Amino acid sequence: MSLDNARQHSDSRMPPRLQPFQEALLIQCYSDEALNVARLARRDNAGLVITARKGNFRATDAASRVYQAARHLREHNNFRQPLLLDAARYAGANRVSARTPFNGTWISDQRNLGLPVLTDSGYVGEGDEAGLRDILRRAADIKDAIALLPLHISWLRSAPALDTLLSSIEQAGVPIAVILEHDKDPLGLKNMVRSLLRLLNCPVPVMLLRCDVSALGALCMGALAAAVGTSTSLRHLYPMKDGGGGGGHEPQIAAMVKECLAYISVDKIALAAQADPDDGLWQCACEACHSRPLGQLAIHPWPEQERLAFEHSLEVLLDLRDELLPHGSTRAARTESWRAKCWNAQVRHYEVESNTDKWEPPPFLGGWLKALEPATLQERVR
């Protein structure tokens, strides 16, 4: 089945509750960030995923805070953009396994707000076929649910595991939302983009959550919706460490450099802009920058610097989404537009390298370019 035919098939089966999510770029944030992020997401083709900081339903009321944040947005802020709630029970030192039962209150709370039901799934570890099938079966039993699949990276890196994953999803026939585990960028790994393209070809609606800039590529290639995290901790799922949970120290404050399709630390941007102030990379007309050069983000003290970099980056991502997926554009046009942006981004990284510190293109750019080579593209649905 071709990618276009598969997507047309899934579109014809699209539940009404999911139609507002069609091709939306979602911003994934924690509950205490939701009010501020919602202000930036009040535009067409945007939405939110509100995520619990600690989602184990035992020693914390984090899941309740997610519900209260969503309720406040709906009832008091008239936020009508697409909205999902993520219990995050799959993350951190107290993550639960895939066989852990869903929480009935979590399911009913989402229904009470008129939201799609995103299951509070546990983590699907390497080789846990029983857990994978159990999540999908229980989601199908709920009837109106999206099956959340937080996956060990091996599910997309191993050909037999990927075949099992795809057949299980097709057999269950329920919409899915996928989260990939890795300590950096999972789509920067060899052949991961090719596996993602096969996943997006499933005959069910597919969302990609806790993602980086590759969310834009996923939308171009047929994802129902995709979410970019507001921080590194929400742009992928950290693996468990020996003796504790995943995660690490927060990096330096970074901002999106649009043509590079990458988050770069504001200090590194400032050095590059100082070395070559006439380079168009540093020009930005977003509301946060007020037409000031991007390098000036570094002059602001914390927390103003963090706020401005955050707001700039979200606006750039949403603008890129609109450029890549104009209304009425074909799949072929979107694919070529994304491929061209990835190619240009690689070139721009190498051009900056000669002016200041070495700017290495992020590996996901090469992954997308390799996967979108004409010969490779024809193989992506096999």
Protein backbone atom coordinates (compact mmCIF):
# COMPACT_ATOMS: atom_id res chain seq x y z
CA MET A 1 0.00 0.00 0.00
CA SER A 2 1.41 3.42 -0.92
CA LEU A 3 1.87 6.14 1.68
CA ASP A 4 -0.84 8.32 0.12
CA ASN A 5 -3.32 5.44 -0.08
CA ALA A 6 -2.60 4.37 3.49
CA ARG A 7 -3.10 7.89 4.78
CA GLN A 8 -6.33 8.32 2.79
CA HIS A 9 -7.52 5.07 4.33
CA SER A 10 -6.74 6.26 7.86
CA ASP A 11 -8.26 9.67 7.15
CA SER A 12 -11.53 7.99 6.14
CA ARG A 13 -11.56 6.27 9.55
CA MET A 14 -10.61 9.39 11.51
CA PRO A 15 -12.73 9.65 14.67
CA PRO A 16 -14.44 13.07 14.88
CA ARG A 17 -12.70 13.80 18.19
CA LEU A 18 -9.32 13.63 16.43
CA GLN A 19 -10.15 15.76 13.40
CA PRO A 20 -9.06 19.04 15.10
CA PHE A 21 -5.57 17.51 15.51
CA GLN A 22 -5.10 17.02 11.76
CA GLU A 23 -1.54 18.21 10.90
CA ALA A 24 -1.27 20.22 14.14
CA LEU A 25 2.07 21.06 15.69
CA LEU A 26 1.54 20.58 19.41
CA ILE A 27 3.69 22.14 22.11
CA GLN A 28 4.43 19.69 24.94
CA CYS A 29 4.81 21.36 28.32
CA TYR A 30 4.51 20.69 32.04
CA SER A 31 1.36 21.70 33.87
CA ASP A 32 3.00 24.71 35.53
CA GLU A 33 3.98 26.02 32.07
CA ALA A 34 0.60 25.52 30.44
CA LEU A 35 -0.85 28.99 30.93
CA ASN A 36 2.14 30.73 29.38
CA VAL A 37 2.53 28.24 26.53
CA ALA A 38 -1.18 28.38 25.73
CA ARG A 39 -0.82 32.10 25.04
CA LEU A 40 1.73 31.32 22.34
CA ALA A 41 -0.27 28.42 20.91
CA ARG A 42 -3.42 30.44 20.19
CA ARG A 43 -3.13 30.14 16.43
CA ASP A 44 -4.31 27.87 13.68
CA ASN A 45 -2.65 24.46 13.42
CA ALA A 46 -1.26 24.61 16.97
CA GLY A 47 -2.16 22.96 20.26
CA LEU A 48 -0.85 21.64 23.60
CA VAL A 49 0.16 18.44 25.33
CA ILE A 50 0.13 19.05 29.09
CA THR A 51 2.43 16.59 30.86
CA ALA A 52 2.73 15.51 34.49
CA ARG A 53 6.13 16.11 36.06
CA LYS A 54 5.79 12.92 38.12
CA GLY A 55 3.13 10.59 36.88
CA ASN A 56 2.87 7.61 39.25
CA PHE A 57 -0.54 8.36 40.86
CA ARG A 58 0.84 7.37 44.25
CA ALA A 59 3.05 9.87 46.05
CA THR A 60 2.12 12.88 43.99
CA ASP A 61 -0.84 14.85 42.74
CA ALA A 62 0.94 15.72 39.49
CA ALA A 63 -1.76 14.07 37.39
CA SER A 64 -4.39 16.15 39.20
CA ARG A 65 -2.39 19.29 38.39
CA VAL A 66 -2.45 18.34 34.71
CA TYR A 67 -6.24 18.00 34.85
CA GLN A 68 -6.66 21.29 36.73
CA ALA A 69 -4.42 23.14 34.26
CA ALA A 70 -6.44 21.81 31.34
CA ARG A 71 -9.73 22.62 33.05
CA HIS A 72 -8.58 26.18 33.73
CA LEU A 73 -7.58 26.67 30.10
CA ARG A 74 -10.89 25.33 28.81
CA GLU A 75 -13.24 26.94 31.30
CA HIS A 76 -11.54 30.24 32.17
CA ASN A 77 -9.18 31.04 29.28
CA ASN A 78 -11.37 29.89 26.39
CA PHE A 79 -8.51 27.82 24.98
CA ARG A 80 -10.07 25.86 22.10
CA GLN A 81 -6.98 24.61 20.30
CA PRO A 82 -6.30 20.84 20.27
CA LEU A 83 -5.33 19.60 23.73
CA LEU A 84 -3.98 16.30 25.09
CA LEU A 85 -3.13 15.25 28.65
CA ASP A 86 -0.11 13.05 29.35
CA ALA A 87 0.12 11.29 32.73
CA ALA A 88 3.82 10.42 32.07
CA ARG A 89 3.66 7.18 34.09
CA TYR A 90 6.28 5.76 31.71
CA ALA A 91 9.01 8.22 32.78
CA GLY A 92 11.43 8.72 35.65
CA ALA A 93 12.63 6.53 38.51
CA ASN A 94 9.10 5.38 39.39
CA ARG A 95 8.01 4.51 35.85
CA VAL A 96 5.46 1.74 35.60
CA SER A 97 5.50 -1.19 33.19
CA ALA A 98 3.33 -1.65 30.13
CA ARG A 99 1.10 -4.21 31.90
CA THR A 100 0.08 -1.73 34.63
CA PRO A 101 -3.71 -1.11 34.49
CA PHE A 102 -4.99 2.24 33.31
CA ASN A 103 -6.32 4.62 35.96
CA GLY A 104 -10.10 5.02 35.68
CA THR A 105 -10.12 8.55 37.08
CA TRP A 106 -7.54 9.64 34.50
CA ILE A 107 -9.73 8.29 31.70
CA SER A 108 -12.94 9.88 33.01
CA ASP A 109 -11.29 13.25 33.71
CA GLN A 110 -10.32 13.58 30.06
CA ARG A 111 -13.84 12.71 28.96
CA ASN A 112 -15.31 15.24 31.41
CA LEU A 113 -13.29 17.96 29.68
CA GLY A 114 -14.40 16.79 26.24
CA LEU A 115 -10.84 15.77 25.33
CA PRO A 116 -9.59 12.74 23.45
CA VAL A 117 -8.60 10.01 25.90
CA LEU A 118 -4.82 9.49 25.90
CA THR A 119 -4.08 6.34 27.88
CA ASP A 120 -1.83 6.56 30.94
CA SER A 121 0.34 3.76 29.59
CA GLY A 122 3.42 2.35 31.24
CA TYR A 123 6.77 1.88 29.55
CA VAL A 124 7.14 -0.72 26.77
CA GLY A 125 10.59 -2.18 27.31
CA GLU A 126 12.82 -4.06 24.92
CA GLY A 127 11.15 -7.25 23.78
CA ASP A 128 8.01 -6.66 25.87
CA GLU A 129 5.62 -7.89 23.19
CA ALA A 130 3.04 -8.91 25.79
CA GLY A 131 3.06 -5.41 27.28
CA LEU A 132 2.74 -3.79 23.85
CA ARG A 133 -0.24 -5.92 22.91
CA ASP A 134 -1.81 -5.39 26.33
CA ILE A 135 -1.77 -1.60 25.97
CA LEU A 136 -3.27 -1.83 22.50
CA ARG A 137 -5.95 -4.32 23.60
CA ARG A 138 -7.01 -2.25 26.61
CA ALA A 139 -7.07 0.93 24.53
CA ALA A 140 -9.30 -0.81 21.99
CA ASP A 141 -11.63 -1.90 24.82
CA ILE A 142 -12.03 1.74 25.89
CA LYS A 143 -13.42 2.48 22.40
CA ASP A 144 -12.57 6.22 22.32
CA ALA A 145 -8.88 6.08 23.33
CA ILE A 146 -5.54 6.91 21.78
CA ALA A 147 -3.06 4.21 22.78
CA LEU A 148 0.06 5.87 24.17
CA LEU A 149 3.15 3.79 23.29
CA PRO A 150 6.32 4.88 25.16
CA LEU A 151 8.85 2.65 23.41
CA HIS A 152 12.35 1.39 24.06
CA ILE A 153 14.43 2.42 21.06
CA SER A 154 14.88 -1.22 19.96
CA TRP A 155 11.30 -1.31 18.71
CA LEU A 156 12.38 0.85 15.77
CA ARG A 157 16.03 -0.24 15.50
CA SER A 158 15.42 -3.98 15.14
CA ALA A 159 13.71 -5.12 11.92
CA PRO A 160 11.88 -8.05 13.57
CA ALA A 161 10.76 -5.84 16.46
CA LEU A 162 9.51 -3.19 14.03
CA ASP A 163 7.56 -5.82 12.11
CA THR A 164 5.98 -6.99 15.37
CA LEU A 165 5.16 -3.42 16.36
CA LEU A 166 3.52 -2.64 13.02
CA SER A 167 1.49 -5.85 12.91
CA SER A 168 0.30 -5.34 16.50
CA ILE A 169 -0.81 -1.78 15.76
CA GLU A 170 -2.63 -2.81 12.60
CA GLN A 171 -4.37 -5.68 14.36
CA ALA A 172 -5.57 -3.46 17.22
CA GLY A 173 -6.83 -0.75 14.86
CA VAL A 174 -6.71 2.08 17.42
CA PRO A 175 -5.06 5.50 17.04
CA ILE A 176 -1.59 5.63 18.60
CA ALA A 177 0.71 8.24 20.10
CA VAL A 178 4.38 7.21 20.07
CA ILE A 179 7.20 8.33 22.38
CA LEU A 180 10.76 7.19 21.68
CA GLU A 181 13.33 6.61 24.42
CA HIS A 182 16.90 7.86 23.99
CA ASP A 183 19.37 9.96 25.98
CA LYS A 184 19.71 12.43 23.08
CA ASP A 185 17.82 12.52 19.79
CA PRO A 186 16.43 9.09 18.80
CA LEU A 187 15.92 10.17 15.20
CA GLY A 188 19.63 10.96 14.90
CA LEU A 189 20.40 7.23 15.04
CA LYS A 190 21.14 5.29 11.87
CA ASN A 191 18.04 4.22 9.91
CA MET A 192 15.66 5.51 12.59
CA VAL A 193 13.95 7.93 10.20
CA ARG A 194 13.33 5.09 7.76
CA SER A 195 11.66 3.12 10.57
CA LEU A 196 9.61 6.17 11.52
CA LEU A 197 8.36 6.45 7.93
CA ARG A 198 7.14 2.86 8.08
CA LEU A 199 5.40 3.62 11.35
CA LEU A 200 3.70 6.68 9.87
CA ASN A 201 2.43 4.45 7.07
CA CYS A 202 0.26 2.48 9.52
CA PRO A 203 -3.44 2.38 8.56
CA VAL A 204 -4.36 4.14 11.83
CA PRO A 205 -3.86 7.75 12.94
CA VAL A 206 -0.33 8.19 14.36
CA MET A 207 0.90 10.97 16.64
CA LEU A 208 4.53 11.55 17.65
CA LEU A 209 5.00 13.06 21.13
CA ARG A 210 7.99 14.36 23.12
CA CYS A 211 9.83 15.15 19.92
CA ASP A 212 12.40 17.65 18.66
CA VAL A 213 12.46 19.56 15.36
CA SER A 214 11.80 16.26 13.55
CA ALA A 215 8.15 16.74 14.54
CA LEU A 216 7.93 19.01 11.50
CA GLY A 217 9.20 16.24 9.23
CA ALA A 218 6.75 13.78 10.76
CA LEU A 219 3.87 16.13 9.93
CA CYS A 220 5.07 16.47 6.35
CA MET A 221 5.20 12.68 6.06
CA GLY A 222 1.71 11.96 7.32
CA ALA A 223 1.62 12.09 11.12
CA LEU A 224 -1.80 13.10 12.40
CA ALA A 225 -0.08 15.47 14.85
CA ALA A 226 3.36 15.87 16.40
CA ALA A 227 4.56 17.54 19.59
CA VAL A 228 7.76 19.48 20.27
CA GLY A 229 8.79 19.73 23.92
CA THR A 230 9.47 23.04 25.61
CA SER A 231 12.70 21.65 27.14
CA THR A 232 15.14 18.82 26.49
CA SER A 233 13.39 16.70 29.12
CA LEU A 234 10.22 16.89 27.00
CA ARG A 235 11.89 16.41 23.61
CA HIS A 236 12.55 12.71 24.20
CA LEU A 237 12.25 10.08 26.91
CA TYR A 238 15.39 9.61 29.01
CA PRO A 239 16.45 5.98 29.56
CA MET A 240 16.70 4.66 33.09
CA LYS A 241 20.13 5.00 34.66
CA ASP A 242 21.76 2.38 36.84
CA GLY A 243 20.27 2.87 40.27
CA GLY A 244 17.91 5.69 39.33
CA GLY A 245 15.73 7.52 36.88
CA GLY A 246 16.62 9.04 33.59
CA GLY A 247 17.43 12.65 32.93
CA GLY A 248 20.31 14.99 33.50
CA HIS A 249 21.30 18.56 34.09
CA GLU A 250 19.50 21.17 32.06
CA PRO A 251 21.74 22.54 29.30
CA GLN A 252 22.52 26.16 28.64
CA ILE A 253 19.64 28.29 27.42
CA ALA A 254 19.16 27.60 23.72
CA ALA A 255 17.12 29.18 20.95
CA MET A 256 15.95 27.96 17.57
CA VAL A 257 18.05 29.15 14.63
CA LYS A 258 15.46 28.87 11.91
CA GLU A 259 17.59 28.14 8.86
CA CYS A 260 19.68 25.64 10.84
CA LEU A 261 16.59 23.76 12.09
CA ALA A 262 18.32 23.47 15.45
CA TYR A 263 18.41 24.70 19.01
CA ILE A 264 21.74 26.48 19.62
CA SER A 265 22.90 27.95 22.93
CA VAL A 266 22.37 31.69 23.05
CA ASP A 267 26.03 32.23 23.95
CA LYS A 268 27.16 30.33 20.87
CA ILE A 269 24.72 32.33 18.73
CA ALA A 270 26.12 35.56 20.14
CA LEU A 271 29.71 34.58 19.29
CA ALA A 272 28.78 33.60 15.74
CA ALA A 273 26.75 36.76 15.23
CA GLN A 274 29.65 38.87 16.48
CA ALA A 275 31.99 37.18 14.01
CA ASP A 276 29.64 37.68 11.05
CA PRO A 277 26.93 40.21 11.96
CA ASP A 278 25.65 40.49 8.38
CA ASP A 279 24.69 36.82 8.11
CA GLY A 280 20.94 36.52 7.63
CA LEU A 281 20.81 33.73 10.22
CA TRP A 282 20.62 36.30 12.98
CA GLN A 283 17.68 38.26 11.60
CA CYS A 284 14.34 37.57 13.27
CA ALA A 285 11.00 39.36 13.14
CA CYS A 286 9.24 37.32 15.84
CA GLU A 287 7.39 39.02 18.68
CA ALA A 288 10.02 38.04 21.25
CA CYS A 289 12.93 39.45 19.23
CA HIS A 290 11.15 42.62 18.06
CA SER A 291 13.31 42.61 14.89
CA ARG A 292 16.49 42.70 16.97
CA PRO A 293 19.35 40.39 15.90
CA LEU A 294 19.10 36.95 17.43
CA GLY A 295 22.53 37.34 19.04
CA GLN A 296 21.10 39.93 21.40
CA LEU A 297 19.29 37.24 23.34
CA ALA A 298 22.56 36.69 25.19
CA ILE A 299 22.60 40.19 26.69
CA HIS A 300 19.46 39.66 28.75
CA PRO A 301 19.81 38.44 32.35
CA TRP A 302 18.16 35.23 33.52
CA PRO A 303 15.18 34.61 33.68
CA GLU A 304 14.35 37.17 30.96
CA GLN A 305 16.84 35.49 28.61
CA GLU A 306 15.19 32.12 29.17
CA ARG A 307 11.71 33.53 28.58
CA LEU A 308 12.65 35.33 25.36
CA ALA A 309 14.55 32.33 23.96
CA PHE A 310 11.60 30.10 24.81
CA GLU A 311 9.03 32.38 23.16
CA HIS A 312 11.23 32.97 20.11
CA SER A 313 11.74 29.23 19.59
CA LEU A 314 8.05 28.36 19.80
CA GLU A 315 7.10 31.09 17.34
CA VAL A 316 9.79 29.96 14.90
CA LEU A 317 8.62 26.34 15.10
CA LEU A 318 5.01 27.29 14.47
CA ASP A 319 6.01 29.51 11.55
CA LEU A 320 8.03 26.65 10.07
CA ARG A 321 5.01 24.38 10.36
CA ASP A 322 2.91 26.83 8.33
CA GLU A 323 5.64 27.20 5.69
CA LEU A 324 6.02 23.44 5.31
CA LEU A 325 2.33 22.55 5.26
CA PRO A 326 0.43 25.28 3.43
CA HIS A 327 -3.26 24.58 2.97
CA GLY A 328 -3.95 22.47 -0.08
CA SER A 329 -0.35 21.39 -0.65
CA THR A 330 0.35 17.84 -1.84
CA ARG A 331 2.30 15.19 0.05
CA ALA A 332 4.99 15.29 -2.61
CA ALA A 333 5.36 19.06 -2.25
CA ARG A 334 5.60 18.82 1.54
CA THR A 335 8.17 16.06 1.33
CA GLU A 336 10.33 18.08 -1.04
CA SER A 337 9.94 21.22 1.07
CA TRP A 338 11.12 19.38 4.21
CA ARG A 339 13.99 17.72 2.34
CA ALA A 340 15.10 21.11 0.98
CA LYS A 341 15.02 22.67 4.45
CA CYS A 342 17.10 19.82 5.88
CA TRP A 343 19.63 20.20 3.07
CA ASN A 344 19.86 23.95 3.55
CA ALA A 345 20.20 23.51 7.32
CA GLN A 346 23.22 21.24 6.90
CA VAL A 347 24.86 23.75 4.58
CA ARG A 348 24.19 26.64 6.95
CA HIS A 349 25.79 24.78 9.85
CA TYR A 350 28.96 24.24 7.84
CA GLU A 351 29.02 27.87 6.72
CA VAL A 352 28.97 29.09 10.31
CA GLU A 353 31.82 26.74 11.15
CA SER A 354 34.36 28.92 9.29
CA ASN A 355 33.39 32.03 11.29
CA THR A 356 33.42 30.86 14.89
CA ASP A 357 33.19 27.62 16.91
CA LYS A 358 32.50 24.55 14.86
CA TRP A 359 28.78 24.09 14.25
CA GLU A 360 28.08 20.42 13.61
CA PRO A 361 24.74 19.67 11.92
CA PRO A 362 22.53 17.61 14.23
CA PRO A 363 22.46 13.94 13.13
CA PHE A 364 18.71 13.93 12.49
CA LEU A 365 19.25 16.15 9.43
CA GLY A 366 21.37 13.50 7.76
CA GLY A 367 18.87 10.85 8.80
CA TRP A 368 16.04 12.63 7.06
CA LEU A 369 18.09 13.35 3.93
CA LYS A 370 19.14 9.71 3.66
CA ALA A 371 15.58 8.48 4.16
CA LEU A 372 14.18 10.91 1.61
CA GLU A 373 16.55 9.95 -1.19
CA PRO A 374 14.32 8.89 -4.11
CA ALA A 375 15.40 5.23 -4.09
CA THR A 376 15.08 4.98 -0.31
CA LEU A 377 11.72 6.73 -0.28
CA GLN A 378 10.22 4.06 -2.53
CA GLU A 379 11.22 1.41 0.02
CA ARG A 380 9.86 3.07 3.12
CA VAL A 381 6.53 1.17 3.17
CA ARG A 382 8.02 -2.32 2.75
